[in-house]
Protein backbone atom coordinates (compact mmCIF):
# COMPACT_ATOMS: atom_id res chain seq x y z
CA MET A 1 10.68 52.11 -20.61
CA ARG A 2 8.00 50.86 -22.98
CA PHE A 3 8.63 47.76 -25.09
CA ASP A 4 7.05 46.66 -28.33
CA PRO A 5 5.80 43.08 -28.87
CA THR A 6 9.21 41.97 -30.21
CA GLY A 7 10.92 42.95 -26.95
CA LYS A 8 12.62 46.07 -28.31
CA VAL A 9 12.37 49.29 -26.34
CA SER A 10 10.00 51.72 -28.01
CA LEU A 11 11.86 54.67 -29.53
CA GLU A 12 8.83 55.93 -31.41
CA ASN A 13 9.05 59.37 -29.80
CA VAL A 14 12.42 60.17 -31.41
CA TYR A 15 11.05 59.47 -34.92
CA THR A 16 8.17 61.92 -34.64
CA GLN A 17 9.91 65.15 -33.61
CA PRO A 18 9.88 68.18 -35.94
CA ASP A 19 13.67 67.91 -36.42
CA PRO A 20 16.25 65.11 -36.02
CA ARG A 21 18.10 66.28 -32.90
CA ALA A 22 16.33 63.91 -30.47
CA TYR A 23 16.82 61.05 -32.95
CA PHE A 24 20.58 61.50 -33.11
CA ARG A 25 20.95 62.30 -29.42
CA THR A 26 19.17 59.09 -28.40
CA LEU A 27 20.74 56.77 -30.95
CA ARG A 28 24.24 58.10 -30.36
CA GLU A 29 23.96 56.87 -26.78
CA LEU A 30 23.14 53.42 -28.14
CA ASP A 31 26.03 53.41 -30.67
CA TYR A 32 23.55 53.04 -33.53
CA CYS A 33 25.77 52.35 -36.53
CA ILE A 34 24.07 50.16 -39.12
CA PRO A 35 23.54 52.91 -41.73
CA GLN A 36 27.30 53.45 -41.74
CA LEU A 37 27.96 49.72 -42.13
CA ALA A 38 25.36 49.56 -44.89
CA LYS A 39 26.78 52.49 -46.84
CA PRO A 40 29.49 50.62 -48.82
CA TYR A 41 27.05 47.87 -49.78
CA PHE A 42 24.42 50.35 -50.96
CA THR A 43 27.06 52.36 -52.81
CA LYS A 44 28.30 49.25 -54.60
CA LEU A 45 24.77 48.29 -55.53
CA VAL A 46 24.06 51.78 -56.91
CA HIS A 47 27.17 51.65 -59.08
CA GLU A 48 26.35 48.14 -60.25
CA TYR A 49 22.79 49.08 -61.11
CA ARG A 50 23.99 52.15 -62.98
CA ASP A 51 26.40 50.01 -65.03
CA VAL A 52 24.03 47.14 -65.74
CA ARG A 53 20.88 49.15 -66.41
CA ARG A 54 22.60 52.13 -68.02
CA VAL A 55 20.73 54.42 -65.62
CA ARG A 56 22.77 57.54 -64.87
CA THR A 57 20.84 58.64 -61.76
CA PRO A 58 19.11 55.70 -60.07
CA HIS A 59 15.91 56.38 -58.13
CA ILE A 60 16.21 54.89 -54.63
CA LEU A 61 13.28 54.12 -52.35
CA ASP A 62 14.36 54.04 -48.69
CA ILE A 63 11.74 52.21 -46.63
CA GLY A 64 11.65 53.44 -43.04
CA CYS A 65 13.84 56.39 -43.99
CA SER A 66 13.07 58.53 -40.90
CA TYR A 67 14.95 61.83 -41.35
CA GLY A 68 16.74 60.75 -44.54
CA ILE A 69 19.80 59.21 -42.89
CA ASN A 70 20.72 56.84 -45.71
CA ALA A 71 20.22 59.63 -48.23
CA ALA A 72 22.60 61.86 -46.25
CA LEU A 73 25.26 59.15 -46.07
CA LEU A 74 25.03 58.23 -49.75
CA THR A 75 24.72 61.65 -51.34
CA CYS A 76 26.38 64.11 -48.95
CA ASN A 77 29.76 62.41 -48.43
CA THR A 78 29.30 62.15 -44.65
CA THR A 79 29.35 59.51 -41.91
CA MET A 80 27.23 58.58 -38.91
CA ASP A 81 29.85 60.14 -36.63
CA GLY A 82 29.66 63.27 -38.75
CA LEU A 83 25.89 63.35 -38.40
CA TYR A 84 26.08 62.77 -34.63
CA GLU A 85 28.47 65.70 -34.31
CA ARG A 86 26.31 67.83 -36.58
CA TYR A 87 23.08 67.34 -34.64
CA CYS A 88 24.34 66.86 -31.08
CA ASP A 89 27.41 69.04 -30.57
CA GLY A 90 28.46 72.68 -30.71
CA ASP A 91 25.70 75.27 -30.89
CA THR A 92 23.16 72.88 -32.41
CA PRO A 93 21.11 72.25 -29.22
CA GLY A 94 20.44 75.98 -28.92
CA LEU A 95 19.24 76.57 -32.47
CA THR A 96 15.58 77.08 -33.26
CA GLY A 97 13.98 74.58 -35.61
CA ASP A 98 13.98 77.13 -38.41
CA GLU A 99 17.66 77.93 -37.86
CA LEU A 100 18.57 74.24 -37.94
CA LEU A 101 16.58 73.68 -41.12
CA ALA A 102 18.17 76.70 -42.83
CA ARG A 103 21.62 75.44 -41.89
CA ASP A 104 20.81 71.98 -43.22
CA ARG A 105 19.47 73.33 -46.51
CA GLU A 106 22.71 75.22 -47.03
CA TRP A 107 24.77 72.16 -46.10
CA VAL A 108 22.91 69.79 -48.41
CA ALA A 109 22.97 72.23 -51.31
CA GLY A 110 26.71 72.81 -50.94
CA ARG A 111 27.98 69.27 -50.45
CA GLU A 112 29.79 67.33 -53.14
CA ARG A 113 27.61 64.40 -54.17
CA PRO A 114 29.87 61.46 -55.06
CA ALA A 115 27.02 59.02 -55.77
CA ALA A 116 24.37 60.66 -57.92
CA ALA A 117 20.94 59.33 -57.01
CA ARG A 118 17.39 60.50 -56.38
CA PHE A 119 15.78 59.52 -53.10
CA THR A 120 12.18 58.85 -52.20
CA GLY A 121 11.50 58.18 -48.54
CA LEU A 122 8.72 55.90 -47.32
CA ASP A 123 7.86 56.26 -43.65
CA ALA A 124 4.95 56.39 -41.22
CA SER A 125 6.37 59.53 -39.55
CA ARG A 126 5.11 62.65 -41.29
CA PRO A 127 7.38 65.01 -39.25
CA ALA A 128 10.51 63.05 -40.19
CA LEU A 129 9.56 62.97 -43.87
CA SER A 130 8.67 66.66 -43.86
CA TYR A 131 12.02 67.63 -42.38
CA ALA A 132 14.02 65.46 -44.79
CA LEU A 133 12.11 66.92 -47.74
CA ALA A 134 12.49 70.50 -46.56
CA ALA A 135 16.23 70.01 -45.97
CA GLY A 136 16.69 68.61 -49.47
CA LEU A 137 17.81 65.15 -48.39
CA LEU A 138 14.78 63.55 -50.03
CA ASP A 139 13.53 64.38 -53.52
CA SER A 140 10.06 63.03 -52.75
CA ALA A 141 8.23 61.22 -49.97
CA VAL A 142 5.49 58.66 -49.47
CA HIS A 143 3.72 58.98 -46.12
CA ALA A 144 1.78 55.73 -46.04
CA ASP A 145 1.05 52.50 -44.20
CA LEU A 146 1.49 49.96 -47.00
CA GLU A 147 1.11 47.13 -44.52
CA THR A 148 -2.59 48.00 -44.35
CA TYR A 149 -3.51 50.08 -47.39
CA ASP A 150 -2.81 50.13 -51.09
CA PRO A 151 -0.93 53.22 -52.26
CA THR A 152 -2.88 56.08 -53.76
CA GLU A 153 -2.47 56.78 -57.46
CA GLN A 154 0.01 59.55 -56.69
CA GLN A 155 1.98 57.30 -54.36
CA ARG A 156 1.87 54.46 -56.88
CA ALA A 157 3.37 56.74 -59.52
CA LEU A 158 6.29 57.59 -57.22
CA LEU A 159 6.85 53.94 -56.31
CA ALA A 160 6.69 52.88 -59.96
CA GLY A 161 9.76 54.96 -60.75
CA THR A 162 11.94 53.11 -58.23
CA ASP A 163 15.17 51.47 -59.39
CA LEU A 164 16.49 50.34 -56.01
CA VAL A 165 14.73 49.60 -52.71
CA ILE A 166 16.79 49.75 -49.51
CA SER A 167 16.20 49.52 -45.77
CA THR A 168 18.29 49.39 -42.59
CA GLY A 169 16.08 47.98 -39.88
CA CYS A 170 12.41 48.32 -40.73
CA VAL A 171 11.85 44.83 -42.19
CA GLY A 172 10.20 42.83 -39.45
CA TYR A 173 7.84 45.67 -38.70
CA VAL A 174 7.40 46.11 -42.43
CA THR A 175 6.63 42.77 -44.05
CA GLU A 176 6.15 41.20 -47.46
CA LYS A 177 2.86 43.12 -47.70
CA THR A 178 4.65 46.44 -48.12
CA LEU A 179 7.30 45.04 -50.44
CA SER A 180 4.66 43.35 -52.60
CA ARG A 181 2.81 46.65 -52.98
CA VAL A 182 6.05 48.34 -54.02
CA VAL A 183 6.68 45.66 -56.64
CA GLU A 184 3.07 45.73 -57.85
CA ALA A 185 3.32 49.48 -58.40
CA HIS A 186 5.66 48.73 -61.30
CA GLY A 187 3.00 46.65 -63.06
CA GLY A 188 4.66 44.77 -65.89
CA ALA A 189 7.60 47.20 -66.03
CA ARG A 190 11.13 46.46 -64.94
CA LYS A 191 11.25 45.52 -61.26
CA PRO A 192 13.54 47.27 -58.75
CA TRP A 193 16.54 45.65 -57.12
CA MET A 194 16.42 45.41 -53.31
CA ALA A 195 18.84 45.35 -50.38
CA HIS A 196 17.53 44.95 -46.84
CA PHE A 197 19.45 44.84 -43.58
CA VAL A 198 17.23 42.76 -41.28
CA LEU A 199 17.68 42.05 -37.57
CA ARG A 200 18.25 38.37 -36.85
CA MET A 201 15.22 38.35 -34.58
CA PHE A 202 13.01 38.76 -37.66
CA PRO A 203 12.81 35.73 -39.99
CA PHE A 204 13.14 36.72 -43.65
CA ASP A 205 11.51 33.57 -45.07
CA ALA A 206 8.08 35.06 -45.79
CA VAL A 207 9.61 38.06 -47.54
CA GLU A 208 11.91 35.85 -49.61
CA GLU A 209 9.05 33.57 -50.61
CA SER A 210 6.88 36.51 -51.61
CA LEU A 211 9.66 38.04 -53.69
CA ALA A 212 10.41 34.66 -55.30
CA ALA A 213 6.76 34.41 -56.37
CA ALA A 214 7.17 37.87 -57.94
CA GLY A 215 10.19 36.70 -59.95
CA TYR A 216 13.07 37.55 -57.62
CA GLU A 217 16.12 35.64 -56.47
CA THR A 218 17.59 36.51 -53.05
CA VAL A 219 21.22 36.27 -51.98
CA HIS A 220 22.08 36.27 -48.29
CA VAL A 221 25.33 38.20 -48.03
CA GLU A 222 27.95 36.62 -45.81
CA GLY A 223 28.61 38.24 -42.48
CA LEU A 224 26.66 39.94 -39.70
CA PHE A 225 26.26 43.65 -39.04
CA LYS A 226 25.93 45.45 -35.72
CA GLN A 227 22.87 47.66 -35.43
CA ARG A 228 23.03 49.17 -31.92
CA ARG A 229 23.60 48.32 -28.30
CA PHE A 230 20.71 47.21 -26.13
CA ALA A 231 19.11 50.07 -24.24
CA SER A 232 18.84 48.06 -21.01
CA ALA A 233 19.29 44.62 -19.52
CA GLU A 234 15.52 44.17 -19.74
CA GLU A 235 15.50 44.88 -23.46
CA GLN A 236 18.31 42.39 -23.99
CA SER A 237 16.47 39.73 -21.98
CA ARG A 238 13.26 40.26 -23.93
CA VAL A 239 15.05 40.14 -27.28
CA LEU A 240 16.95 36.99 -26.31
CA ASP A 241 13.58 35.40 -25.62
CA THR A 242 12.37 36.47 -29.06
CA LEU A 243 15.49 35.04 -30.69
CA SER A 244 14.98 31.77 -28.85
CA SER A 245 11.38 31.60 -30.04
CA VAL A 246 12.50 31.80 -33.69
CA GLY A 247 15.38 29.37 -33.25
CA VAL A 248 18.29 31.83 -33.47
CA ASP A 249 21.34 31.24 -31.26
CA PRO A 250 22.51 34.56 -29.70
CA SER A 251 25.79 33.19 -28.29
CA GLY A 252 28.67 35.60 -28.85
CA LEU A 253 26.36 38.07 -30.57
CA GLU A 254 23.15 39.43 -29.04
CA ALA A 255 24.12 37.69 -25.80
CA ASP A 256 27.11 40.06 -25.65
CA GLY A 257 25.00 43.21 -25.85
CA TRP A 258 24.34 44.17 -29.48
CA PHE A 259 21.57 43.78 -32.02
CA TYR A 260 22.83 42.10 -35.19
CA ALA A 261 21.44 42.12 -38.72
CA ARG A 262 21.93 40.23 -41.96
CA LEU A 263 21.92 41.65 -45.47
CA HIS A 264 19.55 40.18 -48.05
CA VAL A 265 19.92 41.31 -51.67
CA SER A 266 17.07 40.50 -54.06
CA ARG A 267 17.06 40.97 -57.83
CA PRO A 268 14.70 39.91 -60.60
CA ARG A 269 15.79 36.66 -62.22
CA GLU A 270 17.75 38.04 -65.14
CA PRO A 271 21.02 37.09 -66.83
CA GLU A 272 22.94 40.22 -65.74
CA ARG A 273 22.93 39.41 -61.98
CA HIS A 274 26.12 40.13 -60.04
CA ALA A 275 27.14 39.50 -56.45
CA VAL A 276 27.26 42.22 -53.81
CA GLY A 277 29.39 41.43 -50.80
């Protein structure tokens, strides 16, 4: 197993395949569940934004979207278990890539969409973005490294239309640099609301300070959220060391075998703020 500098096992190979079967096969074994736990919070935020802003179809930017998992959960009336079954069971392993994509296009086009929204995905994996776009899960995509580079004019135009920014695990690898560039793309226009599920091993202070300087107020939603099981005892040991180095007590949580995240909701300082939790 290869490990990244944070101590997590590297799963980069499952994010860069031409279709999502390896992604779901690998993460199912690890009981990866945080998108499912995030779904009701994102849904509530979408409804709240729609009511407050009078926006019928909010434009959501999913940072670190991979194969459009959050988009599938929010717009296709499905669950993580449903997606695991879809991509891992039955005749799916024997399908060609083209057959899988055709089946997904039909599925996405025919599903009832209980939460109307448009999705833009931001990710460093071109294959994952390409599949999610071709399947119809994403309406548009930004393939970019905003940690290092400013967005192009075309990318800036897509980012500038964002109403809500969400993520379920990328903050820590993605920092305030990316989020600042997303906010700056709006110029003086209305800023997007944000909701980020962030592993406890990654301090959120720098992001919160950066957003505060841009006119945001952040609420830390009560409770903790399981992300996935550790892939090995070595990964757990490495991550416990990382938690110790940032002053986080893992007792009863990561020490018992799971990654845990917190939810941080950030909105511009405006009188219509409401609580999500």
